[in-house]
Structures are given as structure tokens and as C-alpha cells.
Amino acid sequence: MIEHTKQGLDLVKRVLGKTDASEEEIKRVLLLDMSISIGQMTISANETRQVRQYESNNYFISVQYDLSEAFRQVIDEVLRTPADQQEAKYFESKKVLWQMVADRYKNTENYLRELIKQQQEEDGIKR
């Protein structure tokens, strides 16, 4: 019998609403969780500055990332792990991936805002 992680059992409890799930139910929930992934992430920044009364300058910029390969790498890494360690490896890898996504989001948004600021300066917009 496989020893399940706290994260795995908590997930099963939230999804199925029970704590006495069978091995098959636990496996099914974990496989379903692994199959759900974000394919793309869009990060946008915009700003509007009043130039003169009733006249504004609108700035908008957006970047889109393809995350499908990152999720695929997590699953591939989990599948290369021995069966009794796959669940723990999955949750560990998933946590690292989400931390990477959060970091990418923050850094990209800051970069986009800097691009808008540079364009506003070129356009002579006072901050």
C-alpha cells in the first residue's frame, strides 16, 4: 500500500468530501489533478495619464507565456520517480512550478510597467 502525502489526502478530502477514500479513488483524483494545467498566462499592464482637460493618454502592454511545456516537465519528472515516491514528488514539483510562475508574473509586470514609464517620458507625460 502506498503511503499518501498530507497534500494528497487533503486534496482528496476537498474534491470527494470524504476522508475514507479507496486507493482507486485517491489515484483517480491525483491523476485528474495532474492532468489539469494552465496552458497560457497573460500578464498585462496599463496606465492612463491626464494630459489636458478631457484628453488622456492610454498605455497598454501585454505579454503571453506558454506554460504547457513546464507542466509537461513536471509530469515527466514525476513519472521517472519510483511509484512509492511519485505523489510526494508531484506536490514538491508543483510547488516549485507555482513559485516560478509567481516570480515570472511579478518580474514581468514590473518590466512592463517600466516600459510604459519609458514611453510616457518619451511622450513628454509628466508623472
C-alpha atoms as a PDB file:
ATOM      1  CA  MET A   1       0.000   0.000   0.000  1.00  0.00           C
ATOM      2  CA  ILE A   2       1.281   3.452  -0.917  1.00  0.00           C
ATOM      3  CA  GLU A   3       1.727   5.964   1.883  1.00  0.00           C
ATOM      4  CA  HIS A   4      -0.027   9.151   0.812  1.00  0.00           C
ATOM      5  CA  THR A   5       1.155  12.688   1.487  1.00  0.00           C
ATOM      6  CA  LYS A   6      -0.842  15.147   3.564  1.00  0.00           C
ATOM      7  CA  GLN A   7      -1.299  17.295   0.434  1.00  0.00           C
ATOM      8  CA  GLY A   8      -2.683  14.305  -1.473  1.00  0.00           C
ATOM      9  CA  LEU A   9      -5.116  13.339   1.266  1.00  0.00           C
ATOM     10  CA  ASP A  10      -6.199  16.970   1.743  1.00  0.00           C
ATOM     11  CA  LEU A  11      -6.852  17.249  -1.997  1.00  0.00           C
ATOM     12  CA  VAL A  12      -8.926  14.053  -1.984  1.00  0.00           C
ATOM     13  CA  LYS A  13     -10.891  15.318   1.016  1.00  0.00           C
ATOM     14  CA  ARG A  14     -11.653  18.641  -0.704  1.00  0.00           C
ATOM     15  CA  VAL A  15     -12.608  17.022  -4.020  1.00  0.00           C
ATOM     16  CA  LEU A  16     -14.527  13.982  -2.807  1.00  0.00           C
ATOM     17  CA  GLY A  17     -15.674  15.357   0.530  1.00  0.00           C
ATOM     18  CA  LYS A  18     -14.601  12.274   2.445  1.00  0.00           C
ATOM     19  CA  THR A  19     -11.609  11.026   4.400  1.00  0.00           C
ATOM     20  CA  ASP A  20     -12.107   7.301   3.817  1.00  0.00           C
ATOM     21  CA  ALA A  21     -11.450   7.234   0.065  1.00  0.00           C
ATOM     22  CA  SER A  22     -10.293   3.999  -1.510  1.00  0.00           C
ATOM     23  CA  GLU A  23      -6.860   3.628  -3.129  1.00  0.00           C
ATOM     24  CA  GLU A  24      -8.550   3.753  -6.538  1.00  0.00           C
ATOM     25  CA  GLU A  25     -10.391   6.989  -5.684  1.00  0.00           C
ATOM     26  CA  ILE A  26      -7.190   8.587  -4.389  1.00  0.00           C
ATOM     27  CA  LYS A  27      -5.300   7.561  -7.521  1.00  0.00           C
ATOM     28  CA  ARG A  28      -8.079   8.888  -9.760  1.00  0.00           C
ATOM     29  CA  VAL A  29      -8.147  12.293  -8.004  1.00  0.00           C
ATOM     30  CA  LEU A  30      -4.349  12.621  -8.154  1.00  0.00           C
ATOM     31  CA  LEU A  31      -4.242  11.691 -11.849  1.00  0.00           C
ATOM     32  CA  LEU A  32      -7.014  14.181 -12.582  1.00  0.00           C
ATOM     33  CA  ASP A  33      -5.146  16.905 -10.676  1.00  0.00           C
ATOM     34  CA  MET A  34      -2.006  16.135 -12.698  1.00  0.00           C
ATOM     35  CA  SER A  35      -3.931  16.406 -15.953  1.00  0.00           C
ATOM     36  CA  ILE A  36      -5.266  19.891 -15.163  1.00  0.00           C
ATOM     37  CA  SER A  37      -2.770  22.571 -16.075  1.00  0.00           C
ATOM     38  CA  ILE A  38      -2.613  26.131 -17.278  1.00  0.00           C
ATOM     39  CA  GLY A  39      -1.670  26.347 -20.927  1.00  0.00           C
ATOM     40  CA  GLN A  40      -1.055  30.061 -21.121  1.00  0.00           C
ATOM     41  CA  MET A  41      -0.578  33.009 -18.794  1.00  0.00           C
ATOM     42  CA  THR A  42      -1.123  36.585 -19.917  1.00  0.00           C
ATOM     43  CA  ILE A  43       0.403  39.456 -17.972  1.00  0.00           C
ATOM     44  CA  SER A  44      -0.741  42.969 -18.773  1.00  0.00           C
ATOM     45  CA  ALA A  45      -0.078  46.474 -17.544  1.00  0.00           C
ATOM     46  CA  ASN A  46      -1.902  49.661 -18.392  1.00  0.00           C
ATOM     47  CA  GLU A  47      -1.947  53.253 -17.297  1.00  0.00           C
ATOM     48  CA  THR A  48      -3.901  56.364 -18.173  1.00  0.00           C
ATOM     49  CA  ARG A  49      -2.454  59.821 -17.650  1.00  0.00           C
ATOM     50  CA  GLN A  50      -4.390  63.078 -17.968  1.00  0.00           C
ATOM     51  CA  VAL A  51      -2.562  65.354 -20.419  1.00  0.00           C
ATOM     52  CA  ARG A  52      -5.025  68.245 -20.579  1.00  0.00           C
ATOM     53  CA  GLN A  53      -8.619  68.525 -19.534  1.00  0.00           C
ATOM     54  CA  TYR A  54     -10.701  65.883 -21.361  1.00  0.00           C
ATOM     55  CA  GLU A  55      -7.591  64.484 -23.031  1.00  0.00           C
ATOM     56  CA  SER A  56      -5.790  61.407 -21.782  1.00  0.00           C
ATOM     57  CA  ASN A  57      -3.013  59.144 -22.933  1.00  0.00           C
ATOM     58  CA  ASN A  58      -3.680  55.435 -22.548  1.00  0.00           C
ATOM     59  CA  TYR A  59      -0.821  52.970 -22.407  1.00  0.00           C
ATOM     60  CA  PHE A  60      -1.306  49.221 -22.549  1.00  0.00           C
ATOM     61  CA  ILE A  61       1.161  46.372 -22.953  1.00  0.00           C
ATOM     62  CA  SER A  62       0.714  42.632 -22.602  1.00  0.00           C
ATOM     63  CA  VAL A  63       2.886  39.517 -22.683  1.00  0.00           C
ATOM     64  CA  GLN A  64       1.700  35.947 -23.033  1.00  0.00           C
ATOM     65  CA  TYR A  65       3.634  32.913 -21.767  1.00  0.00           C
ATOM     66  CA  ASP A  66       3.104  29.315 -22.837  1.00  0.00           C
ATOM     67  CA  LEU A  67       3.216  27.181 -19.686  1.00  0.00           C
ATOM     68  CA  SER A  68       2.249  23.855 -21.243  1.00  0.00           C
ATOM     69  CA  GLU A  69       5.853  22.648 -21.532  1.00  0.00           C
ATOM     70  CA  ALA A  70       6.538  23.487 -17.877  1.00  0.00           C
ATOM     71  CA  PHE A  71       3.577  21.393 -16.733  1.00  0.00           C
ATOM     72  CA  ARG A  72       4.649  18.598 -19.081  1.00  0.00           C
ATOM     73  CA  GLN A  73       8.118  18.632 -17.493  1.00  0.00           C
ATOM     74  CA  VAL A  74       6.593  18.267 -14.027  1.00  0.00           C
ATOM     75  CA  ILE A  75       4.599  15.217 -15.126  1.00  0.00           C
ATOM     76  CA  ASP A  76       7.614  13.691 -16.901  1.00  0.00           C
ATOM     77  CA  GLU A  77       9.723  14.184 -13.765  1.00  0.00           C
ATOM     78  CA  VAL A  78       7.044  12.553 -11.623  1.00  0.00           C
ATOM     79  CA  LEU A  79       6.756   9.581 -13.980  1.00  0.00           C
ATOM     80  CA  ARG A  80      10.530   8.966 -13.774  1.00  0.00           C
ATOM     81  CA  THR A  81      10.264   8.785  -9.965  1.00  0.00           C
ATOM     82  CA  PRO A  82       9.707   5.394  -8.251  1.00  0.00           C
ATOM     83  CA  ALA A  83       5.973   4.700  -7.787  1.00  0.00           C
ATOM     84  CA  ASP A  84       6.040   4.932  -3.998  1.00  0.00           C
ATOM     85  CA  GLN A  85       7.585   8.433  -4.203  1.00  0.00           C
ATOM     86  CA  GLN A  86       5.578   9.858  -7.114  1.00  0.00           C
ATOM     87  CA  GLU A  87       2.907  11.574  -5.049  1.00  0.00           C
ATOM     88  CA  ALA A  88       5.424  13.440  -2.880  1.00  0.00           C
ATOM     89  CA  LYS A  89       7.493  14.327  -5.972  1.00  0.00           C
ATOM     90  CA  TYR A  90       4.385  15.637  -7.739  1.00  0.00           C
ATOM     91  CA  PHE A  91       3.428  18.022  -4.922  1.00  0.00           C
ATOM     92  CA  GLU A  92       7.036  19.152  -4.462  1.00  0.00           C
ATOM     93  CA  SER A  93       7.452  19.825  -8.199  1.00  0.00           C
ATOM     94  CA  LYS A  94       4.066  21.532  -8.421  1.00  0.00           C
ATOM     95  CA  LYS A  95       5.001  23.856  -5.546  1.00  0.00           C
ATOM     96  CA  VAL A  96       8.266  24.825  -7.267  1.00  0.00           C
ATOM     97  CA  LEU A  97       6.425  25.407 -10.554  1.00  0.00           C
ATOM     98  CA  TRP A  98       3.867  27.724  -8.931  1.00  0.00           C
ATOM     99  CA  GLN A  99       6.636  29.634  -7.176  1.00  0.00           C
ATOM    100  CA  MET A 100       8.322  30.059 -10.569  1.00  0.00           C
ATOM    101  CA  VAL A 101       5.054  31.250 -12.142  1.00  0.00           C
ATOM    102  CA  ALA A 102       4.534  33.782  -9.323  1.00  0.00           C
ATOM    103  CA  ASP A 103       8.097  35.059  -9.715  1.00  0.00           C
ATOM    104  CA  ARG A 104       7.736  35.307 -13.506  1.00  0.00           C
ATOM    105  CA  TYR A 105       4.466  37.214 -13.091  1.00  0.00           C
ATOM    106  CA  LYS A 106       5.946  39.732 -10.649  1.00  0.00           C
ATOM    107  CA  ASN A 107       9.103  40.342 -12.686  1.00  0.00           C
ATOM    108  CA  THR A 108       7.227  40.614 -15.976  1.00  0.00           C
ATOM    109  CA  GLU A 109       4.671  43.041 -14.579  1.00  0.00           C
ATOM    110  CA  ASN A 110       7.469  45.235 -13.198  1.00  0.00           C
ATOM    111  CA  TYR A 111       9.221  45.147 -16.578  1.00  0.00           C
ATOM    112  CA  LEU A 112       6.033  46.066 -18.454  1.00  0.00           C
ATOM    113  CA  ARG A 113       5.380  48.990 -16.102  1.00  0.00           C
ATOM    114  CA  GLU A 114       8.945  50.185 -16.699  1.00  0.00           C
ATOM    115  CA  LEU A 115       8.347  50.064 -20.481  1.00  0.00           C
ATOM    116  CA  ILE A 116       5.195  52.169 -20.049  1.00  0.00           C
ATOM    117  CA  LYS A 117       7.109  54.646 -17.889  1.00  0.00           C
ATOM    118  CA  GLN A 118       9.837  54.966 -20.534  1.00  0.00           C
ATOM    119  CA  GLN A 119       7.255  55.549 -23.269  1.00  0.00           C
ATOM    120  CA  GLN A 120       5.495  58.189 -21.181  1.00  0.00           C
ATOM    121  CA  GLU A 121       8.788  60.001 -20.658  1.00  0.00           C
ATOM    122  CA  GLU A 122       9.437  59.910 -24.427  1.00  0.00           C
ATOM    123  CA  ASP A 123       5.935  61.308 -24.994  1.00  0.00           C
ATOM    124  CA  GLY A 124       6.579  64.123 -22.507  1.00  0.00           C
ATOM    125  CA  ILE A 125       3.975  62.928 -19.995  1.00  0.00           C
ATOM    126  CA  LYS A 126       4.721  64.205 -16.508  1.00  0.00           C
ATOM    127  CA  ARG A 127       4.348  61.737 -13.686  1.00  0.00           C
END
